[in-house]
């Protein structure tokens, strides 16, 4: 069984540590094996590419690199501020994520 993470693909997250501290972005991919996430516009690295069919000129492209999930907080949907995430049962035997700040459910 794979471990549960507090971040899912599509979440808006706040970066709370590192070079991009204080910035927000949308999660494009979650890598469970290494506890990392790729966030849109965050942790950009330069990648050198050879000429190919997609880019006949080749050159240097900026690309997002993975960020460890411990450096990310989910943004509260009601306040727009970073929050911790909890899980609670809805009754019909399924867990939903909720904001610890406002108590609101995170979709």
N, C-alpha and C. Protein backbone atom coordinates (compact mmCIF):
# COMPACT_ATOMS: atom_id res chain seq x y z
N UNK A 1 0.83 -1.19 0.00
CA UNK A 1 0.00 0.00 0.00
C UNK A 1 0.88 1.26 0.00
N UNK A 2 0.50 2.22 -0.81
CA UNK A 2 1.27 3.46 -0.89
C UNK A 2 0.87 4.41 0.22
N UNK A 3 1.85 5.22 0.65
CA UNK A 3 1.61 6.15 1.75
C UNK A 3 0.71 7.31 1.32
N UNK A 4 -0.04 7.83 2.28
CA UNK A 4 -0.91 8.98 2.03
C UNK A 4 -0.10 10.25 2.13
N UNK A 5 -0.27 11.14 1.18
CA UNK A 5 0.40 12.43 1.20
C UNK A 5 -0.65 13.52 1.36
N UNK A 6 -0.25 14.67 1.89
CA UNK A 6 -1.20 15.76 2.11
C UNK A 6 -1.40 16.60 0.86
N UNK A 7 -0.68 16.27 -0.21
CA UNK A 7 -0.75 17.04 -1.45
C UNK A 7 -1.19 16.13 -2.59
N UNK A 8 -2.06 16.65 -3.45
CA UNK A 8 -2.53 15.91 -4.63
C UNK A 8 -2.28 16.74 -5.88
N UNK A 9 -2.30 16.09 -7.01
CA UNK A 9 -2.18 16.77 -8.31
C UNK A 9 -3.34 17.75 -8.46
N UNK A 10 -3.02 18.98 -8.88
CA UNK A 10 -4.05 20.00 -9.07
C UNK A 10 -4.21 20.95 -7.90
N UNK A 11 -3.64 20.61 -6.73
CA UNK A 11 -3.72 21.50 -5.56
C UNK A 11 -2.91 22.77 -5.81
N UNK A 12 -3.36 23.86 -5.21
CA UNK A 12 -2.56 25.08 -5.18
C UNK A 12 -1.75 25.02 -3.89
N UNK A 13 -0.43 25.17 -4.01
CA UNK A 13 0.43 25.04 -2.85
C UNK A 13 1.28 26.29 -2.63
N UNK A 14 1.71 26.47 -1.39
CA UNK A 14 2.57 27.57 -0.97
C UNK A 14 3.93 26.98 -0.62
N UNK A 15 5.01 27.57 -1.13
CA UNK A 15 6.36 27.09 -0.83
C UNK A 15 6.83 27.77 0.45
N UNK A 16 7.11 26.97 1.50
CA UNK A 16 7.48 27.55 2.79
C UNK A 16 8.97 27.44 3.11
N UNK A 17 9.78 26.93 2.19
CA UNK A 17 11.22 26.84 2.42
C UNK A 17 11.95 26.76 1.09
N UNK A 18 13.18 27.22 1.10
CA UNK A 18 14.01 27.11 -0.10
C UNK A 18 14.09 28.39 -0.89
N UNK A 19 14.64 28.26 -2.09
CA UNK A 19 14.89 29.42 -2.95
C UNK A 19 13.60 30.14 -3.36
N UNK A 20 12.51 29.40 -3.53
CA UNK A 20 11.24 29.97 -3.97
C UNK A 20 10.27 30.22 -2.81
N UNK A 21 10.79 30.41 -1.61
CA UNK A 21 9.97 30.61 -0.41
C UNK A 21 9.00 31.78 -0.61
N UNK A 22 7.72 31.54 -0.25
CA UNK A 22 6.71 32.59 -0.34
C UNK A 22 5.92 32.58 -1.63
N UNK A 23 6.31 31.76 -2.59
CA UNK A 23 5.59 31.72 -3.88
C UNK A 23 4.53 30.62 -3.88
N UNK A 24 3.55 30.76 -4.77
CA UNK A 24 2.48 29.77 -4.90
C UNK A 24 2.48 29.20 -6.30
N UNK A 25 1.97 27.99 -6.43
CA UNK A 25 1.86 27.36 -7.73
C UNK A 25 0.94 26.15 -7.67
N UNK A 26 0.62 25.61 -8.84
CA UNK A 26 -0.27 24.45 -8.95
C UNK A 26 0.57 23.19 -9.11
N UNK A 27 0.19 22.12 -8.42
CA UNK A 27 0.92 20.86 -8.49
C UNK A 27 0.62 20.18 -9.82
N UNK A 28 1.67 19.89 -10.60
CA UNK A 28 1.53 19.22 -11.89
C UNK A 28 1.64 17.71 -11.74
N UNK A 29 2.48 17.27 -10.80
CA UNK A 29 2.72 15.84 -10.62
C UNK A 29 3.22 15.58 -9.21
N UNK A 30 2.82 14.43 -8.64
CA UNK A 30 3.30 14.02 -7.32
C UNK A 30 4.08 12.73 -7.50
N UNK A 31 5.32 12.70 -6.99
CA UNK A 31 6.18 11.52 -7.09
C UNK A 31 6.22 10.89 -5.70
N UNK A 32 5.38 9.86 -5.49
CA UNK A 32 5.24 9.24 -4.18
C UNK A 32 6.50 8.53 -3.71
N UNK A 33 7.23 7.95 -4.65
CA UNK A 33 8.41 7.16 -4.31
C UNK A 33 9.46 7.99 -3.57
N UNK A 34 9.62 9.25 -3.98
CA UNK A 34 10.65 10.10 -3.38
C UNK A 34 10.06 11.24 -2.53
N UNK A 35 8.74 11.24 -2.31
CA UNK A 35 8.05 12.29 -1.54
C UNK A 35 8.29 13.68 -2.13
N UNK A 36 8.18 13.80 -3.43
CA UNK A 36 8.42 15.07 -4.10
C UNK A 36 7.24 15.42 -5.00
N UNK A 37 7.16 16.72 -5.34
CA UNK A 37 6.09 17.19 -6.23
C UNK A 37 6.69 18.18 -7.22
N UNK A 38 6.14 18.18 -8.43
CA UNK A 38 6.55 19.16 -9.43
C UNK A 38 5.48 20.25 -9.43
N UNK A 39 5.90 21.49 -9.15
CA UNK A 39 4.98 22.62 -9.03
C UNK A 39 5.22 23.60 -10.17
N UNK A 40 4.13 24.04 -10.79
CA UNK A 40 4.18 24.94 -11.94
C UNK A 40 4.90 26.25 -11.60
N UNK A 41 5.97 26.54 -12.33
CA UNK A 41 6.70 27.79 -12.17
C UNK A 41 7.64 27.86 -10.97
N UNK A 42 7.79 26.76 -10.23
CA UNK A 42 8.62 26.73 -9.03
C UNK A 42 9.82 25.82 -9.27
N UNK A 43 10.99 26.20 -8.75
CA UNK A 43 12.23 25.42 -8.84
C UNK A 43 12.63 25.16 -10.29
N UNK A 44 12.70 26.24 -11.08
CA UNK A 44 13.07 26.11 -12.49
C UNK A 44 14.56 25.86 -12.64
N UNK A 45 14.90 24.89 -13.50
CA UNK A 45 16.29 24.57 -13.81
C UNK A 45 16.50 24.69 -15.31
N UNK A 46 17.73 24.95 -15.72
CA UNK A 46 18.06 25.05 -17.14
C UNK A 46 18.46 23.68 -17.65
N UNK A 47 17.82 23.23 -18.71
CA UNK A 47 18.13 21.94 -19.31
C UNK A 47 18.68 22.16 -20.71
N UNK A 48 19.86 21.63 -20.97
CA UNK A 48 20.49 21.76 -22.28
C UNK A 48 19.97 20.64 -23.18
N UNK A 49 19.47 21.00 -24.37
CA UNK A 49 18.91 20.00 -25.27
C UNK A 49 19.64 19.99 -26.61
N UNK A 50 19.77 18.78 -27.14
CA UNK A 50 20.34 18.63 -28.48
C UNK A 50 19.25 18.95 -29.50
N UNK A 51 19.62 19.30 -30.71
CA UNK A 51 18.61 19.49 -31.75
C UNK A 51 17.85 18.19 -32.01
N UNK A 52 16.53 18.29 -32.09
CA UNK A 52 15.68 17.13 -32.41
C UNK A 52 14.46 17.62 -33.16
N UNK A 53 13.52 16.71 -33.43
CA UNK A 53 12.34 17.06 -34.22
C UNK A 53 11.49 18.13 -33.53
N UNK A 54 11.41 18.05 -32.20
CA UNK A 54 10.59 19.00 -31.45
C UNK A 54 11.22 20.39 -31.43
N UNK A 55 12.54 20.44 -31.18
CA UNK A 55 13.25 21.72 -31.22
C UNK A 55 14.46 21.58 -32.15
N UNK A 56 14.28 21.93 -33.44
CA UNK A 56 15.36 21.73 -34.40
C UNK A 56 16.61 22.56 -34.10
N UNK A 57 16.47 23.65 -33.36
CA UNK A 57 17.60 24.50 -33.03
C UNK A 57 18.38 23.94 -31.83
N UNK A 58 17.69 23.22 -30.92
CA UNK A 58 18.32 22.78 -29.68
C UNK A 58 18.39 23.95 -28.72
N UNK A 59 19.29 23.92 -27.76
CA UNK A 59 19.48 25.06 -26.88
C UNK A 59 19.15 24.76 -25.42
N UNK A 60 18.86 25.81 -24.68
CA UNK A 60 18.60 25.70 -23.25
C UNK A 60 17.13 26.00 -22.98
N UNK A 61 16.46 25.08 -22.27
CA UNK A 61 15.06 25.30 -21.89
C UNK A 61 14.93 25.29 -20.37
N UNK A 62 14.00 26.09 -19.86
CA UNK A 62 13.71 26.13 -18.43
C UNK A 62 12.64 25.07 -18.15
N UNK A 63 12.87 24.29 -17.08
CA UNK A 63 11.97 23.20 -16.75
C UNK A 63 11.82 23.12 -15.24
N UNK A 64 10.62 22.72 -14.76
CA UNK A 64 10.39 22.58 -13.32
C UNK A 64 11.08 21.32 -12.80
N UNK A 65 11.76 21.45 -11.67
CA UNK A 65 12.37 20.30 -11.00
C UNK A 65 11.54 19.97 -9.76
N UNK A 66 11.58 18.73 -9.29
CA UNK A 66 10.78 18.34 -8.12
C UNK A 66 11.20 19.07 -6.84
N UNK A 67 10.20 19.32 -5.98
CA UNK A 67 10.40 19.96 -4.67
C UNK A 67 9.93 18.95 -3.63
N UNK A 68 10.62 18.84 -2.50
CA UNK A 68 10.19 17.91 -1.46
C UNK A 68 8.88 18.41 -0.85
N UNK A 69 7.95 17.48 -0.58
CA UNK A 69 6.62 17.89 -0.11
C UNK A 69 6.63 18.50 1.28
N UNK A 70 7.71 18.29 2.05
CA UNK A 70 7.79 18.90 3.37
C UNK A 70 7.96 20.42 3.26
N UNK A 71 8.36 20.90 2.08
CA UNK A 71 8.53 22.34 1.85
C UNK A 71 7.28 22.97 1.25
N UNK A 72 6.18 22.23 1.18
CA UNK A 72 4.94 22.72 0.57
C UNK A 72 3.78 22.65 1.55
N UNK A 73 2.90 23.66 1.50
CA UNK A 73 1.65 23.66 2.25
C UNK A 73 0.51 23.91 1.29
N UNK A 74 -0.60 23.22 1.50
CA UNK A 74 -1.79 23.43 0.67
C UNK A 74 -2.38 24.80 1.02
N UNK A 75 -2.87 25.52 0.01
CA UNK A 75 -3.49 26.83 0.23
C UNK A 75 -4.96 26.62 0.57
N UNK A 76 -5.41 27.25 1.66
CA UNK A 76 -6.80 27.17 2.13
C UNK A 76 -7.72 27.76 1.06
N UNK A 77 -8.75 27.02 0.62
CA UNK A 77 -9.64 27.53 -0.43
C UNK A 77 -10.44 28.77 -0.04
N UNK A 78 -10.74 28.95 1.26
CA UNK A 78 -11.55 30.09 1.66
C UNK A 78 -10.72 31.34 1.95
N UNK A 79 -9.55 31.18 2.58
CA UNK A 79 -8.76 32.36 2.96
C UNK A 79 -7.63 32.67 1.99
N UNK A 80 -7.17 31.67 1.22
CA UNK A 80 -6.07 31.88 0.29
C UNK A 80 -4.71 31.87 0.97
N UNK A 81 -4.67 31.42 2.24
CA UNK A 81 -3.42 31.35 3.00
C UNK A 81 -3.03 29.88 3.19
N UNK A 82 -1.72 29.63 3.40
CA UNK A 82 -1.29 28.24 3.60
C UNK A 82 -1.86 27.64 4.88
N UNK A 83 -2.16 26.35 4.84
CA UNK A 83 -2.74 25.67 5.99
C UNK A 83 -2.24 24.24 6.06
N UNK A 84 -2.37 23.65 7.23
CA UNK A 84 -2.10 22.22 7.37
C UNK A 84 -3.36 21.46 6.95
N UNK A 85 -3.18 20.19 6.64
CA UNK A 85 -4.29 19.39 6.13
C UNK A 85 -4.59 18.26 7.10
N UNK A 86 -5.89 18.06 7.39
CA UNK A 86 -6.33 16.95 8.22
C UNK A 86 -7.24 16.06 7.40
N UNK A 87 -7.53 14.88 7.94
CA UNK A 87 -8.46 13.97 7.27
C UNK A 87 -9.57 13.61 8.25
N UNK A 88 -10.81 13.60 7.75
CA UNK A 88 -11.92 13.18 8.59
C UNK A 88 -12.88 12.36 7.76
N UNK A 89 -13.63 11.50 8.44
CA UNK A 89 -14.59 10.61 7.79
C UNK A 89 -15.89 11.36 7.56
N UNK A 90 -16.51 11.11 6.40
CA UNK A 90 -17.77 11.78 6.09
C UNK A 90 -18.98 10.94 6.49
N UNK A 91 -18.74 9.73 6.93
CA UNK A 91 -19.87 8.89 7.33
C UNK A 91 -20.00 7.68 6.43
N UNK A 92 -19.95 7.91 5.11
CA UNK A 92 -20.10 6.79 4.19
C UNK A 92 -18.75 6.14 3.89
N UNK A 93 -17.97 5.96 4.95
CA UNK A 93 -16.67 5.27 4.94
C UNK A 93 -15.68 5.81 3.91
N UNK A 94 -15.64 7.14 3.77
CA UNK A 94 -14.59 7.73 2.93
C UNK A 94 -14.01 8.95 3.63
N UNK A 95 -12.70 9.12 3.47
CA UNK A 95 -12.01 10.22 4.12
C UNK A 95 -11.95 11.42 3.20
N UNK A 96 -12.12 12.60 3.77
CA UNK A 96 -11.96 13.84 3.00
C UNK A 96 -10.89 14.69 3.67
N UNK A 97 -10.18 15.46 2.86
CA UNK A 97 -9.16 16.37 3.40
C UNK A 97 -9.85 17.68 3.79
N UNK A 98 -9.40 18.26 4.90
CA UNK A 98 -9.96 19.54 5.33
C UNK A 98 -8.85 20.46 5.82
N UNK A 99 -9.12 21.74 5.78
CA UNK A 99 -8.17 22.76 6.23
C UNK A 99 -8.20 22.84 7.74
N UNK A 100 -7.02 22.80 8.37
CA UNK A 100 -6.95 22.90 9.82
C UNK A 100 -7.23 24.33 10.29
N UNK A 101 -7.04 25.32 9.40
CA UNK A 101 -7.28 26.72 9.77
C UNK A 101 -8.76 27.05 9.79
N UNK A 102 -9.46 26.75 8.68
CA UNK A 102 -10.86 27.16 8.58
C UNK A 102 -11.83 26.01 8.78
N UNK A 103 -11.35 24.77 8.71
CA UNK A 103 -12.22 23.60 8.85
C UNK A 103 -12.94 23.25 7.56
N UNK A 104 -12.71 24.03 6.51
CA UNK A 104 -13.38 23.81 5.23
C UNK A 104 -12.77 22.62 4.48
N UNK A 105 -13.63 21.90 3.77
CA UNK A 105 -13.19 20.73 3.00
C UNK A 105 -12.36 21.17 1.80
N UNK A 106 -11.28 20.43 1.54
CA UNK A 106 -10.43 20.72 0.37
C UNK A 106 -10.80 19.74 -0.73
N UNK A 107 -11.17 20.26 -1.86
CA UNK A 107 -11.60 19.40 -2.98
C UNK A 107 -10.39 18.85 -3.69
